[in-house]
């Protein structure tokens, strides 16, 4: 069983920055691929960024590429999403997710993830 708890969301002006954190339980966290997804009202949950089990490879949605950086600290069982140059359209609930295939590569499909956090809201004011 893996529990994920996101933090760091909030209200920010367009052009601002935020850093999301996801704290994970579970001794085998270091072998999981991790991802960030988001869901805006009335829209499907969409991929934002993902990172491989060892942090050696990352993937980003085109909509955030160049503005977001995903990273992880396996010793702290945490994954992060640094977001800069925030836009109004970044407003959404952001979810952290874990794909528990051992030594997993990054995944872009939400159906590949086994555990999800409760989400943290980012609201960008224009």
Foldseek 3Di string as FASTA:
>chain_A
DKAKAKDWADEEAQQAKIKMKIAMDDPQLLFKKKFKWWDDPPGDIFGAKIAWSNRPDMDGDPVQPPFWDWGDDVVRRMIMIIGGSDDQVVWTWMKMFIQPDGRGGIDGDPVNTDDIYPTDTHGYHD
